[in-house]
Amino acid sequence: MPRCVEELRAALALHGITLPSLRLDLATFAGTYTPPAGLVSLGNCNATTARALTAVLRAAAP
């Protein structure tokens, strides 16, 4: 899972997007989730970052 977070952080950075609170949600590792275990917390971002993320996702859509 840590690799997943780092890959997501790197992919977002390619588009100039930073989610400051992007991290693993450690509490979910204590739960009973089946593999892949754990959740990724995307965290908080400001409106400018949210708009940039929306634009990248729209541009990538078929």
PDB file of N, CA and C in Angstrom:
ATOM      1  N   MET A   1       0.790  -1.206   0.000  1.00  0.00           N
ATOM      2  CA  MET A   1       0.000   0.000   0.000  1.00  0.00           C
ATOM      3  C   MET A   1       0.841   1.282   0.000  1.00  0.00           C
ATOM      4  N   PRO A   2       1.935   1.343   0.725  1.00  0.00           N
ATOM      5  CA  PRO A   2       2.721   2.577   0.664  1.00  0.00           C
ATOM      6  C   PRO A   2       3.154   2.908  -0.762  1.00  0.00           C
ATOM      7  N   ARG A   3       3.458   1.873  -1.537  1.00  0.00           N
ATOM      8  CA  ARG A   3       3.864   2.101  -2.930  1.00  0.00           C
ATOM      9  C   ARG A   3       2.730   2.713  -3.736  1.00  0.00           C
ATOM     10  N   CYS A   4       1.512   2.266  -3.470  1.00  0.00           N
ATOM     11  CA  CYS A   4       0.331   2.814  -4.143  1.00  0.00           C
ATOM     12  C   CYS A   4       0.218   4.316  -3.883  1.00  0.00           C
ATOM     13  N   VAL A   5       0.418   4.723  -2.643  1.00  0.00           N
ATOM     14  CA  VAL A   5       0.336   6.139  -2.287  1.00  0.00           C
ATOM     15  C   VAL A   5       1.431   6.922  -3.000  1.00  0.00           C
ATOM     16  N   GLU A   6       2.637   6.387  -3.020  1.00  0.00           N
ATOM     17  CA  GLU A   6       3.745   7.077  -3.683  1.00  0.00           C
ATOM     18  C   GLU A   6       3.516   7.176  -5.190  1.00  0.00           C
ATOM     19  N   GLU A   7       2.972   6.134  -5.794  1.00  0.00           N
ATOM     20  CA  GLU A   7       2.683   6.177  -7.230  1.00  0.00           C
ATOM     21  C   GLU A   7       1.597   7.204  -7.539  1.00  0.00           C
ATOM     22  N   LEU A   8       0.579   7.270  -6.697  1.00  0.00           N
ATOM     23  CA  LEU A   8      -0.471   8.268  -6.887  1.00  0.00           C
ATOM     24  C   LEU A   8       0.091   9.673  -6.716  1.00  0.00           C
ATOM     25  N   ARG A   9       0.913   9.868  -5.702  1.00  0.00           N
ATOM     26  CA  ARG A   9       1.535  11.182  -5.471  1.00  0.00           C
ATOM     27  C   ARG A   9       2.376  11.589  -6.691  1.00  0.00           C
ATOM     28  N   ALA A  10       3.135  10.656  -7.239  1.00  0.00           N
ATOM     29  CA  ALA A  10       3.974  10.949  -8.405  1.00  0.00           C
ATOM     30  C   ALA A  10       3.131  11.257  -9.639  1.00  0.00           C
ATOM     31  N   ALA A  11       2.052  10.511  -9.838  1.00  0.00           N
ATOM     32  CA  ALA A  11       1.181  10.751 -10.994  1.00  0.00           C
ATOM     33  C   ALA A  11       0.506  12.114 -10.895  1.00  0.00           C
ATOM     34  N   LEU A  12       0.068  12.474  -9.709  1.00  0.00           N
ATOM     35  CA  LEU A  12      -0.535  13.793  -9.521  1.00  0.00           C
ATOM     36  C   LEU A  12       0.491  14.892  -9.763  1.00  0.00           C
ATOM     37  N   ALA A  13       1.720  14.668  -9.317  1.00  0.00           N
ATOM     38  CA  ALA A  13       2.779  15.664  -9.486  1.00  0.00           C
ATOM     39  C   ALA A  13       3.078  15.928 -10.960  1.00  0.00           C
ATOM     40  N   LEU A  14       2.912  14.925 -11.806  1.00  0.00           N
ATOM     41  CA  LEU A  14       3.120  15.121 -13.243  1.00  0.00           C
ATOM     42  C   LEU A  14       2.191  16.187 -13.807  1.00  0.00           C
ATOM     43  N   HIS A  15       1.085  16.415 -13.113  1.00  0.00           N
ATOM     44  CA  HIS A  15       0.107  17.410 -13.545  1.00  0.00           C
ATOM     45  C   HIS A  15       0.115  18.644 -12.642  1.00  0.00           C
ATOM     46  N   GLY A  16       1.132  18.738 -11.799  1.00  0.00           N
ATOM     47  CA  GLY A  16       1.254  19.887 -10.927  1.00  0.00           C
ATOM     48  C   GLY A  16       0.264  19.898  -9.775  1.00  0.00           C
ATOM     49  N   ILE A  17      -0.247  18.720  -9.414  1.00  0.00           N
ATOM     50  CA  ILE A  17      -1.241  18.615  -8.350  1.00  0.00           C
ATOM     51  C   ILE A  17      -0.607  17.979  -7.121  1.00  0.00           C
ATOM     52  N   THR A  18      -0.811  18.614  -5.974  1.00  0.00           N
ATOM     53  CA  THR A  18      -0.328  18.092  -4.703  1.00  0.00           C
ATOM     54  C   THR A  18      -1.497  17.997  -3.736  1.00  0.00           C
ATOM     55  N   LEU A  19      -1.709  16.825  -3.183  1.00  0.00           N
ATOM     56  CA  LEU A  19      -2.685  16.647  -2.110  1.00  0.00           C
ATOM     57  C   LEU A  19      -1.871  16.517  -0.823  1.00  0.00           C
ATOM     58  N   PRO A  20      -1.789  17.589  -0.030  1.00  0.00           N
ATOM     59  CA  PRO A  20      -0.906  17.598   1.132  1.00  0.00           C
ATOM     60  C   PRO A  20      -1.185  16.490   2.148  1.00  0.00           C
ATOM     61  N   SER A  21      -2.419  16.053   2.249  1.00  0.00           N
ATOM     62  CA  SER A  21      -2.764  15.050   3.255  1.00  0.00           C
ATOM     63  C   SER A  21      -2.824  13.639   2.689  1.00  0.00           C
ATOM     64  N   LEU A  22      -2.347  13.431   1.471  1.00  0.00           N
ATOM     65  CA  LEU A  22      -2.363  12.097   0.864  1.00  0.00           C
ATOM     66  C   LEU A  22      -1.530  11.143   1.704  1.00  0.00           C
ATOM     67  N   ARG A  23      -2.157  10.060   2.168  1.00  0.00           N
ATOM     68  CA  ARG A  23      -1.455   9.112   3.039  1.00  0.00           C
ATOM     69  C   ARG A  23      -2.260   7.832   3.150  1.00  0.00           C
ATOM     70  N   LEU A  24      -1.673   6.845   3.781  1.00  0.00           N
ATOM     71  CA  LEU A  24      -2.400   5.636   4.127  1.00  0.00           C
ATOM     72  C   LEU A  24      -3.295   5.932   5.319  1.00  0.00           C
ATOM     73  N   ASP A  25      -4.472   5.336   5.341  1.00  0.00           N
ATOM     74  CA  ASP A  25      -5.343   5.439   6.497  1.00  0.00           C
ATOM     75  C   ASP A  25      -5.013   4.263   7.397  1.00  0.00           C
ATOM     76  N   LEU A  26      -4.119   4.498   8.341  1.00  0.00           N
ATOM     77  CA  LEU A  26      -3.582   3.415   9.161  1.00  0.00           C
ATOM     78  C   LEU A  26      -4.644   2.684   9.974  1.00  0.00           C
ATOM     79  N   ALA A  27      -5.706   3.357  10.364  1.00  0.00           N
ATOM     80  CA  ALA A  27      -6.747   2.707  11.167  1.00  0.00           C
ATOM     81  C   ALA A  27      -7.402   1.548  10.425  1.00  0.00           C
ATOM     82  N   THR A  28      -7.461   1.605   9.095  1.00  0.00           N
ATOM     83  CA  THR A  28      -8.118   0.535   8.349  1.00  0.00           C
ATOM     84  C   THR A  28      -7.306  -0.760   8.352  1.00  0.00           C
ATOM     85  N   PHE A  29      -6.027  -0.675   8.662  1.00  0.00           N
ATOM     86  CA  PHE A  29      -5.219  -1.888   8.728  1.00  0.00           C
ATOM     87  C   PHE A  29      -5.573  -2.730   9.956  1.00  0.00           C
ATOM     88  N   ALA A  30      -6.222  -2.118  10.937  1.00  0.00           N
ATOM     89  CA  ALA A  30      -6.656  -2.858  12.126  1.00  0.00           C
ATOM     90  C   ALA A  30      -8.008  -3.521  11.895  1.00  0.00           C
ATOM     91  N   GLY A  31      -8.668  -3.204  10.787  1.00  0.00           N
ATOM     92  CA  GLY A  31      -9.987  -3.751  10.490  1.00  0.00           C
ATOM     93  C   GLY A  31      -9.919  -5.112   9.840  1.00  0.00           C
ATOM     94  N   THR A  32     -11.034  -5.530   9.305  1.00  0.00           N
ATOM     95  CA  THR A  32     -11.141  -6.861   8.706  1.00  0.00           C
ATOM     96  C   THR A  32     -11.314  -6.799   7.190  1.00  0.00           C
ATOM     97  N   TYR A  33     -10.771  -5.770   6.563  1.00  0.00           N
ATOM     98  CA  TYR A  33     -10.851  -5.664   5.114  1.00  0.00           C
ATOM     99  C   TYR A  33     -10.092  -6.810   4.459  1.00  0.00           C
ATOM    100  N   THR A  34     -10.657  -7.336   3.391  1.00  0.00           N
ATOM    101  CA  THR A  34      -9.946  -8.370   2.649  1.00  0.00           C
ATOM    102  C   THR A  34      -8.951  -7.701   1.710  1.00  0.00           C
ATOM    103  N   PRO A  35      -7.954  -8.413   1.241  1.00  0.00           N
ATOM    104  CA  PRO A  35      -6.935  -7.804   0.381  1.00  0.00           C
ATOM    105  C   PRO A  35      -7.556  -7.163  -0.852  1.00  0.00           C
ATOM    106  N   PRO A  36      -7.044  -6.061  -1.363  1.00  0.00           N
ATOM    107  CA  PRO A  36      -5.948  -5.336  -0.744  1.00  0.00           C
ATOM    108  C   PRO A  36      -6.415  -4.607   0.510  1.00  0.00           C
ATOM    109  N   ALA A  37      -5.690  -4.777   1.572  1.00  0.00           N
ATOM    110  CA  ALA A  37      -6.061  -4.213   2.867  1.00  0.00           C
ATOM    111  C   ALA A  37      -5.749  -2.727   2.926  1.00  0.00           C
ATOM    112  N   GLY A  38      -6.520  -2.036   3.708  1.00  0.00           N
ATOM    113  CA  GLY A  38      -6.259  -0.627   3.954  1.00  0.00           C
ATOM    114  C   GLY A  38      -6.884   0.288   2.927  1.00  0.00           C
ATOM    115  N   LEU A  39      -7.007   1.523   3.332  1.00  0.00           N
ATOM    116  CA  LEU A  39      -7.549   2.565   2.473  1.00  0.00           C
ATOM    117  C   LEU A  39      -6.514   3.662   2.296  1.00  0.00           C
ATOM    118  N   VAL A  40      -6.636   4.400   1.212  1.00  0.00           N
ATOM    119  CA  VAL A  40      -5.792   5.560   0.973  1.00  0.00           C
ATOM    120  C   VAL A  40      -6.620   6.791   1.304  1.00  0.00           C
ATOM    121  N   SER A  41      -6.100   7.617   2.176  1.00  0.00           N
ATOM    122  CA  SER A  41      -6.762   8.857   2.528  1.00  0.00           C
ATOM    123  C   SER A  41      -6.277   9.942   1.578  1.00  0.00           C
ATOM    124  N   LEU A  42      -7.192  10.482   0.788  1.00  0.00           N
ATOM    125  CA  LEU A  42      -6.802  11.515  -0.162  1.00  0.00           C
ATOM    126  C   LEU A  42      -6.655  12.865   0.523  1.00  0.00           C
ATOM    127  N   GLY A  43      -7.222  13.006   1.688  1.00  0.00           N
ATOM    128  CA  GLY A  43      -7.017  14.211   2.481  1.00  0.00           C
ATOM    129  C   GLY A  43      -7.786  15.410   1.970  1.00  0.00           C
ATOM    130  N   ASN A  44      -7.415  16.533   2.489  1.00  0.00           N
ATOM    131  CA  ASN A  44      -8.061  17.798   2.146  1.00  0.00           C
ATOM    132  C   ASN A  44      -7.260  18.536   1.088  1.00  0.00           C
ATOM    133  N   CYS A  45      -7.963  19.340   0.305  1.00  0.00           N
ATOM    134  CA  CYS A  45      -7.282  20.212  -0.647  1.00  0.00           C
ATOM    135  C   CYS A  45      -8.121  21.465  -0.815  1.00  0.00           C
ATOM    136  N   ASN A  46      -7.495  22.496  -1.324  1.00  0.00           N
ATOM    137  CA  ASN A  46      -8.230  23.736  -1.547  1.00  0.00           C
ATOM    138  C   ASN A  46      -8.989  23.665  -2.874  1.00  0.00           C
ATOM    139  N   ALA A  47      -9.817  24.670  -3.126  1.00  0.00           N
ATOM    140  CA  ALA A  47     -10.656  24.678  -4.328  1.00  0.00           C
ATOM    141  C   ALA A  47      -9.822  24.696  -5.602  1.00  0.00           C
ATOM    142  N   THR A  48      -8.695  25.378  -5.589  1.00  0.00           N
ATOM    143  CA  THR A  48      -7.835  25.431  -6.774  1.00  0.00           C
ATOM    144  C   THR A  48      -7.322  24.041  -7.125  1.00  0.00           C
ATOM    145  N   THR A  49      -6.883  23.291  -6.127  1.00  0.00           N
ATOM    146  CA  THR A  49      -6.394  21.929  -6.357  1.00  0.00           C
ATOM    147  C   THR A  49      -7.525  21.027  -6.820  1.00  0.00           C
ATOM    148  N   ALA A  50      -8.693  21.158  -6.235  1.00  0.00           N
ATOM    149  CA  ALA A  50      -9.843  20.351  -6.647  1.00  0.00           C
ATOM    150  C   ALA A  50     -10.212  20.621  -8.103  1.00  0.00           C
ATOM    151  N   ARG A  51     -10.161  21.882  -8.514  1.00  0.00           N
ATOM    152  CA  ARG A  51     -10.455  22.219  -9.912  1.00  0.00           C
ATOM    153  C   ARG A  51      -9.394  21.653 -10.853  1.00  0.00           C
ATOM    154  N   ALA A  52      -8.134  21.708 -10.449  1.00  0.00           N
ATOM    155  CA  ALA A  52      -7.066  21.158 -11.278  1.00  0.00           C
ATOM    156  C   ALA A  52      -7.224  19.650 -11.432  1.00  0.00           C
ATOM    157  N   LEU A  53      -7.558  18.976 -10.353  1.00  0.00           N
ATOM    158  CA  LEU A  53      -7.776  17.528 -10.407  1.00  0.00           C
ATOM    159  C   LEU A  53      -8.965  17.202 -11.299  1.00  0.00           C
ATOM    160  N   THR A  54     -10.030  17.969 -11.186  1.00  0.00           N
ATOM    161  CA  THR A  54     -11.210  17.776 -12.034  1.00  0.00           C
ATOM    162  C   THR A  54     -10.845  17.954 -13.513  1.00  0.00           C
ATOM    163  N   ALA A  55     -10.061  18.972 -13.826  1.00  0.00           N
ATOM    164  CA  ALA A  55      -9.674  19.217 -15.217  1.00  0.00           C
ATOM    165  C   ALA A  55      -8.850  18.067 -15.774  1.00  0.00           C
ATOM    166  N   VAL A  56      -7.916  17.545 -14.988  1.00  0.00           N
ATOM    167  CA  VAL A  56      -7.081  16.428 -15.447  1.00  0.00           C
ATOM    168  C   VAL A  56      -7.933  15.187 -15.674  1.00  0.00           C
ATOM    169  N   LEU A  57      -8.836  14.907 -14.756  1.00  0.00           N
ATOM    170  CA  LEU A  57      -9.695  13.726 -14.914  1.00  0.00           C
ATOM    171  C   LEU A  57     -10.615  13.851 -16.123  1.00  0.00           C
ATOM    172  N   ARG A  58     -11.164  15.029 -16.350  1.00  0.00           N
ATOM    173  CA  ARG A  58     -12.022  15.240 -17.523  1.00  0.00           C
ATOM    174  C   ARG A  58     -11.222  15.078 -18.813  1.00  0.00           C
ATOM    175  N   ALA A  59     -10.017  15.611 -18.839  1.00  0.00           N
ATOM    176  CA  ALA A  59      -9.189  15.508 -20.040  1.00  0.00           C
ATOM    177  C   ALA A  59      -8.799  14.070 -20.330  1.00  0.00           C
ATOM    178  N   ALA A  60      -8.666  13.258 -19.296  1.00  0.00           N
ATOM    179  CA  ALA A  60      -8.264  11.849 -19.469  1.00  0.00           C
ATOM    180  C   ALA A  60      -9.430  10.946 -19.824  1.00  0.00           C
ATOM    181  N   ALA A  61     -10.645  11.425 -19.636  1.00  0.00           N
ATOM    182  CA  ALA A  61     -11.831  10.595 -19.918  1.00  0.00           C
ATOM    183  C   ALA A  61     -11.996  10.408 -21.426  1.00  0.00           C
ATOM    184  N   PRO A  62     -12.505   9.252 -21.815  1.00  0.00           N
ATOM    185  CA  PRO A  62     -12.709   9.016 -23.251  1.00  0.00           C
ATOM    186  C   PRO A  62     -13.752   9.931 -23.867  1.00  0.00           C
TER     187      PRO A  62
END
